[in-house]
């Protein structure tokens, strides 16, 4: 199994702790090529950004899960398909979140 997750320290001066990390997940089977996001100490998802993909849809997904519990986001997004593809950008985000939580 290939690990697609890369962690880098957060550099922003926001209200989250410096120990938080930005995860970058290399997607597979979708138009976007990567997804970056943060998960805070409380397990909440922040700063989701898709690289590529359908801009309106990916921005919508990112805004909808902002501040959501990562496990709740996984349960809502997992298994969503894009047309005839077996996966989608939201499904890839669920895979990324699972990997970040050590559930993949």
N, C-alpha and C. Protein backbone atom coordinates (compact mmCIF):
# COMPACT_ATOMS: atom_id res chain seq x y z
N UNK A 1 0.84 -1.18 0.00
CA UNK A 1 0.00 0.00 0.00
C UNK A 1 0.88 1.24 0.00
N UNK A 2 0.61 2.15 -0.90
CA UNK A 2 1.38 3.38 -1.01
C UNK A 2 0.79 4.44 -0.08
N UNK A 3 1.64 5.11 0.68
CA UNK A 3 1.20 6.20 1.55
C UNK A 3 1.28 7.49 0.75
N UNK A 4 0.17 8.21 0.70
CA UNK A 4 0.08 9.42 -0.10
C UNK A 4 0.10 10.70 0.74
N UNK A 5 0.27 10.60 2.03
CA UNK A 5 0.13 11.74 2.90
C UNK A 5 1.48 12.34 3.25
N UNK A 6 1.57 13.66 3.16
CA UNK A 6 2.79 14.38 3.52
C UNK A 6 2.39 15.42 4.55
N UNK A 7 3.13 15.53 5.63
CA UNK A 7 2.82 16.52 6.65
C UNK A 7 3.88 17.61 6.67
N UNK A 8 3.42 18.85 6.75
CA UNK A 8 4.33 19.98 6.86
C UNK A 8 3.83 20.90 7.96
N UNK A 9 4.73 21.55 8.70
CA UNK A 9 4.29 22.41 9.79
C UNK A 9 3.45 23.58 9.28
N UNK A 10 2.45 23.95 10.08
CA UNK A 10 1.63 25.12 9.78
C UNK A 10 2.47 26.36 10.01
N UNK A 11 2.40 27.30 9.08
CA UNK A 11 3.19 28.51 9.21
C UNK A 11 2.35 29.75 9.46
N UNK A 12 1.03 29.60 9.46
CA UNK A 12 0.14 30.75 9.67
C UNK A 12 0.14 31.22 11.11
N UNK A 13 -0.26 32.46 11.31
CA UNK A 13 -0.34 33.03 12.66
C UNK A 13 -1.80 33.11 13.08
N UNK A 14 -2.50 31.95 13.06
CA UNK A 14 -3.90 31.95 13.46
C UNK A 14 -4.02 31.44 14.89
N UNK A 15 -5.21 31.06 15.29
CA UNK A 15 -5.43 30.66 16.67
C UNK A 15 -5.10 29.20 16.95
N UNK A 16 -4.65 28.45 15.96
CA UNK A 16 -4.28 27.06 16.18
C UNK A 16 -2.84 26.95 16.65
N UNK A 17 -2.55 25.87 17.34
CA UNK A 17 -1.21 25.66 17.89
C UNK A 17 -0.20 25.39 16.79
N UNK A 18 1.05 25.73 17.06
CA UNK A 18 2.11 25.50 16.09
C UNK A 18 2.38 24.02 15.87
N UNK A 19 1.89 23.15 16.78
CA UNK A 19 2.09 21.72 16.62
C UNK A 19 1.21 21.14 15.51
N UNK A 20 0.16 21.90 15.10
CA UNK A 20 -0.71 21.42 14.04
C UNK A 20 0.08 21.32 12.74
N UNK A 21 -0.33 20.43 11.87
CA UNK A 21 0.35 20.21 10.61
C UNK A 21 -0.62 20.31 9.46
N UNK A 22 -0.12 20.72 8.31
CA UNK A 22 -0.90 20.70 7.08
C UNK A 22 -0.59 19.39 6.38
N UNK A 23 -1.65 18.64 6.07
CA UNK A 23 -1.49 17.39 5.36
C UNK A 23 -1.71 17.64 3.88
N UNK A 24 -0.93 16.96 3.05
CA UNK A 24 -1.11 17.03 1.60
C UNK A 24 -1.27 15.60 1.12
N UNK A 25 -2.41 15.34 0.49
CA UNK A 25 -2.74 14.00 0.01
C UNK A 25 -2.73 14.01 -1.51
N UNK A 26 -1.97 13.14 -2.12
CA UNK A 26 -1.93 13.00 -3.58
C UNK A 26 -3.10 12.12 -4.00
N UNK A 27 -4.03 12.69 -4.75
CA UNK A 27 -5.24 11.98 -5.14
C UNK A 27 -4.98 10.98 -6.25
N UNK A 28 -5.98 10.12 -6.48
CA UNK A 28 -5.89 9.11 -7.52
C UNK A 28 -7.26 8.91 -8.13
N UNK A 29 -7.33 8.92 -9.47
CA UNK A 29 -8.56 8.63 -10.17
C UNK A 29 -9.54 9.79 -10.30
N UNK A 30 -9.10 11.01 -9.99
CA UNK A 30 -9.96 12.20 -10.08
C UNK A 30 -9.22 13.32 -10.79
N UNK A 31 -9.93 14.40 -11.09
CA UNK A 31 -9.33 15.54 -11.79
C UNK A 31 -8.37 16.33 -10.92
N UNK A 32 -8.66 16.44 -9.62
CA UNK A 32 -7.73 17.16 -8.76
C UNK A 32 -6.49 16.29 -8.54
N UNK A 33 -5.35 16.93 -8.34
CA UNK A 33 -4.11 16.18 -8.17
C UNK A 33 -3.68 16.05 -6.71
N UNK A 34 -4.19 16.92 -5.85
CA UNK A 34 -3.81 16.88 -4.44
C UNK A 34 -4.85 17.62 -3.62
N UNK A 35 -4.89 17.27 -2.33
CA UNK A 35 -5.75 17.96 -1.36
C UNK A 35 -4.90 18.28 -0.15
N UNK A 36 -4.94 19.54 0.30
CA UNK A 36 -4.26 19.89 1.54
C UNK A 36 -5.30 20.27 2.58
N UNK A 37 -5.00 20.00 3.85
CA UNK A 37 -5.94 20.28 4.93
C UNK A 37 -5.22 20.19 6.26
N UNK A 38 -5.86 20.71 7.29
CA UNK A 38 -5.37 20.61 8.66
C UNK A 38 -6.42 19.87 9.48
N UNK A 39 -5.97 19.15 10.49
CA UNK A 39 -6.85 18.59 11.51
C UNK A 39 -6.31 19.08 12.84
N UNK A 40 -7.14 19.79 13.62
CA UNK A 40 -6.66 20.34 14.88
C UNK A 40 -6.68 19.28 15.99
N UNK A 41 -6.26 19.66 17.18
CA UNK A 41 -6.18 18.73 18.30
C UNK A 41 -7.54 18.16 18.70
N UNK A 42 -8.61 18.87 18.37
CA UNK A 42 -9.96 18.41 18.70
C UNK A 42 -10.54 17.52 17.59
N UNK A 43 -9.75 17.27 16.53
CA UNK A 43 -10.20 16.41 15.43
C UNK A 43 -11.05 17.12 14.40
N UNK A 44 -11.01 18.46 14.39
CA UNK A 44 -11.79 19.25 13.44
C UNK A 44 -10.96 19.56 12.19
N UNK A 45 -11.63 19.57 11.04
CA UNK A 45 -10.98 19.79 9.74
C UNK A 45 -10.96 21.29 9.43
N UNK A 46 -9.82 21.78 8.94
CA UNK A 46 -9.67 23.19 8.59
C UNK A 46 -8.87 23.34 7.29
N UNK A 47 -9.08 24.47 6.63
CA UNK A 47 -8.25 24.90 5.50
C UNK A 47 -8.12 23.87 4.38
N UNK A 48 -9.23 23.26 3.99
CA UNK A 48 -9.21 22.29 2.89
C UNK A 48 -9.02 23.03 1.58
N UNK A 49 -8.04 22.57 0.80
CA UNK A 49 -7.78 23.16 -0.52
C UNK A 49 -7.50 22.03 -1.50
N UNK A 50 -8.23 22.04 -2.60
CA UNK A 50 -8.01 21.07 -3.67
C UNK A 50 -7.13 21.72 -4.73
N UNK A 51 -6.19 20.96 -5.25
CA UNK A 51 -5.38 21.43 -6.37
C UNK A 51 -5.99 20.83 -7.63
N UNK A 52 -6.60 21.69 -8.46
CA UNK A 52 -7.29 21.22 -9.65
C UNK A 52 -8.69 20.74 -9.31
N UNK A 53 -9.31 20.09 -10.27
CA UNK A 53 -10.68 19.62 -10.07
C UNK A 53 -11.70 20.67 -10.47
N UNK A 54 -12.96 20.37 -10.26
CA UNK A 54 -14.06 21.29 -10.57
C UNK A 54 -14.12 22.35 -9.49
N UNK A 55 -13.68 23.54 -9.82
CA UNK A 55 -13.47 24.60 -8.83
C UNK A 55 -14.68 24.86 -7.94
N UNK A 56 -15.84 25.00 -8.51
CA UNK A 56 -17.03 25.29 -7.71
C UNK A 56 -17.35 24.17 -6.75
N UNK A 57 -17.28 22.93 -7.23
CA UNK A 57 -17.59 21.78 -6.38
C UNK A 57 -16.56 21.61 -5.27
N UNK A 58 -15.29 21.71 -5.61
CA UNK A 58 -14.27 21.50 -4.58
C UNK A 58 -14.29 22.63 -3.54
N UNK A 59 -14.54 23.86 -3.98
CA UNK A 59 -14.65 24.96 -3.01
C UNK A 59 -15.87 24.76 -2.11
N UNK A 60 -16.96 24.26 -2.70
CA UNK A 60 -18.17 24.01 -1.91
C UNK A 60 -17.93 22.95 -0.85
N UNK A 61 -17.30 21.84 -1.24
CA UNK A 61 -16.99 20.78 -0.28
C UNK A 61 -16.09 21.33 0.83
N UNK A 62 -15.08 22.08 0.46
CA UNK A 62 -14.14 22.63 1.43
C UNK A 62 -14.86 23.53 2.45
N UNK A 63 -15.75 24.38 1.98
CA UNK A 63 -16.48 25.28 2.89
C UNK A 63 -17.45 24.50 3.77
N UNK A 64 -18.10 23.48 3.21
CA UNK A 64 -19.08 22.72 3.98
C UNK A 64 -18.46 21.93 5.13
N UNK A 65 -17.23 21.44 4.96
CA UNK A 65 -16.65 20.65 6.04
C UNK A 65 -15.73 21.45 6.96
N UNK A 66 -15.55 22.74 6.69
CA UNK A 66 -14.72 23.59 7.56
C UNK A 66 -15.23 23.50 9.00
N UNK A 67 -14.35 23.11 9.91
CA UNK A 67 -14.70 23.01 11.33
C UNK A 67 -15.45 21.75 11.71
N UNK A 68 -15.73 20.88 10.74
CA UNK A 68 -16.45 19.64 11.01
C UNK A 68 -15.50 18.61 11.61
N UNK A 69 -16.03 17.76 12.46
CA UNK A 69 -15.26 16.65 12.99
C UNK A 69 -14.81 15.76 11.82
N UNK A 70 -13.54 15.38 11.82
CA UNK A 70 -12.98 14.61 10.71
C UNK A 70 -13.73 13.29 10.50
N UNK A 71 -14.11 12.62 11.58
CA UNK A 71 -14.83 11.35 11.44
C UNK A 71 -16.22 11.56 10.83
N UNK A 72 -16.87 12.66 11.18
CA UNK A 72 -18.17 12.99 10.59
C UNK A 72 -18.00 13.28 9.10
N UNK A 73 -16.96 14.03 8.74
CA UNK A 73 -16.69 14.33 7.33
C UNK A 73 -16.46 13.04 6.55
N UNK A 74 -15.71 12.12 7.12
CA UNK A 74 -15.45 10.84 6.45
C UNK A 74 -16.77 10.11 6.20
N UNK A 75 -17.62 10.05 7.21
CA UNK A 75 -18.88 9.30 7.05
C UNK A 75 -19.78 9.94 6.00
N UNK A 76 -19.71 11.26 5.83
CA UNK A 76 -20.55 11.94 4.84
C UNK A 76 -19.99 11.85 3.42
N UNK A 77 -18.66 11.81 3.28
CA UNK A 77 -18.02 11.89 1.96
C UNK A 77 -17.64 10.54 1.36
N UNK A 78 -17.39 9.57 2.22
CA UNK A 78 -16.90 8.26 1.76
C UNK A 78 -17.89 7.60 0.80
N UNK A 79 -17.36 7.12 -0.32
CA UNK A 79 -18.15 6.36 -1.28
C UNK A 79 -18.83 7.19 -2.35
N UNK A 80 -18.72 8.51 -2.30
CA UNK A 80 -19.32 9.35 -3.34
C UNK A 80 -18.56 9.10 -4.64
N UNK A 81 -19.31 8.91 -5.72
CA UNK A 81 -18.71 8.64 -7.03
C UNK A 81 -18.87 9.86 -7.92
N UNK A 82 -18.01 9.95 -8.92
CA UNK A 82 -18.09 11.03 -9.92
C UNK A 82 -18.42 10.37 -11.26
N UNK A 83 -19.67 10.45 -11.67
CA UNK A 83 -20.09 9.80 -12.92
C UNK A 83 -19.85 8.31 -12.84
N UNK A 84 -19.13 7.78 -13.82
CA UNK A 84 -18.84 6.35 -13.86
C UNK A 84 -17.55 5.99 -13.12
N UNK A 85 -16.87 6.99 -12.60
CA UNK A 85 -15.63 6.72 -11.85
C UNK A 85 -15.97 6.09 -10.50
N UNK A 86 -15.10 5.23 -10.01
CA UNK A 86 -15.38 4.59 -8.71
C UNK A 86 -15.07 5.50 -7.51
N UNK A 87 -14.58 6.70 -7.76
CA UNK A 87 -14.24 7.63 -6.69
C UNK A 87 -14.59 9.05 -7.14
N UNK A 88 -14.36 10.02 -6.28
CA UNK A 88 -14.64 11.43 -6.56
C UNK A 88 -13.71 12.26 -5.69
N UNK A 89 -13.71 13.57 -5.92
CA UNK A 89 -12.91 14.43 -5.05
C UNK A 89 -13.35 14.34 -3.58
N UNK A 90 -14.67 14.35 -3.28
CA UNK A 90 -15.07 14.18 -1.89
C UNK A 90 -14.64 12.83 -1.32
N UNK A 91 -14.76 11.76 -2.11
CA UNK A 91 -14.32 10.44 -1.66
C UNK A 91 -12.82 10.43 -1.40
N UNK A 92 -12.05 11.07 -2.28
CA UNK A 92 -10.60 11.16 -2.07
C UNK A 92 -10.29 11.92 -0.78
N UNK A 93 -11.07 12.96 -0.48
CA UNK A 93 -10.87 13.69 0.78
C UNK A 93 -11.16 12.78 1.97
N UNK A 94 -12.18 11.94 1.87
CA UNK A 94 -12.45 11.00 2.97
C UNK A 94 -11.28 10.04 3.16
N UNK A 95 -10.68 9.58 2.06
CA UNK A 95 -9.52 8.70 2.15
C UNK A 95 -8.33 9.43 2.80
N UNK A 96 -8.15 10.69 2.44
CA UNK A 96 -7.07 11.49 3.01
C UNK A 96 -7.28 11.66 4.52
N UNK A 97 -8.50 11.96 4.91
CA UNK A 97 -8.81 12.15 6.34
C UNK A 97 -8.60 10.85 7.11
N UNK A 98 -9.03 9.73 6.53
CA UNK A 98 -8.81 8.43 7.18
C UNK A 98 -7.33 8.16 7.37
N UNK A 99 -6.56 8.46 6.35
CA UNK A 99 -5.11 8.23 6.44
C UNK A 99 -4.50 9.13 7.51
N UNK A 100 -4.94 10.37 7.56
CA UNK A 100 -4.42 11.31 8.56
C UNK A 100 -4.75 10.87 9.98
N UNK A 101 -5.91 10.23 10.15
CA UNK A 101 -6.31 9.75 11.47
C UNK A 101 -5.75 8.36 11.78
N UNK A 102 -5.02 7.79 10.83
CA UNK A 102 -4.44 6.47 11.04
C UNK A 102 -5.44 5.34 10.89
N UNK A 103 -6.53 5.61 10.16
CA UNK A 103 -7.59 4.60 9.98
C UNK A 103 -7.51 3.90 8.63
N UNK A 104 -6.57 4.30 7.79
CA UNK A 104 -6.48 3.70 6.45
C UNK A 104 -5.51 2.55 6.43
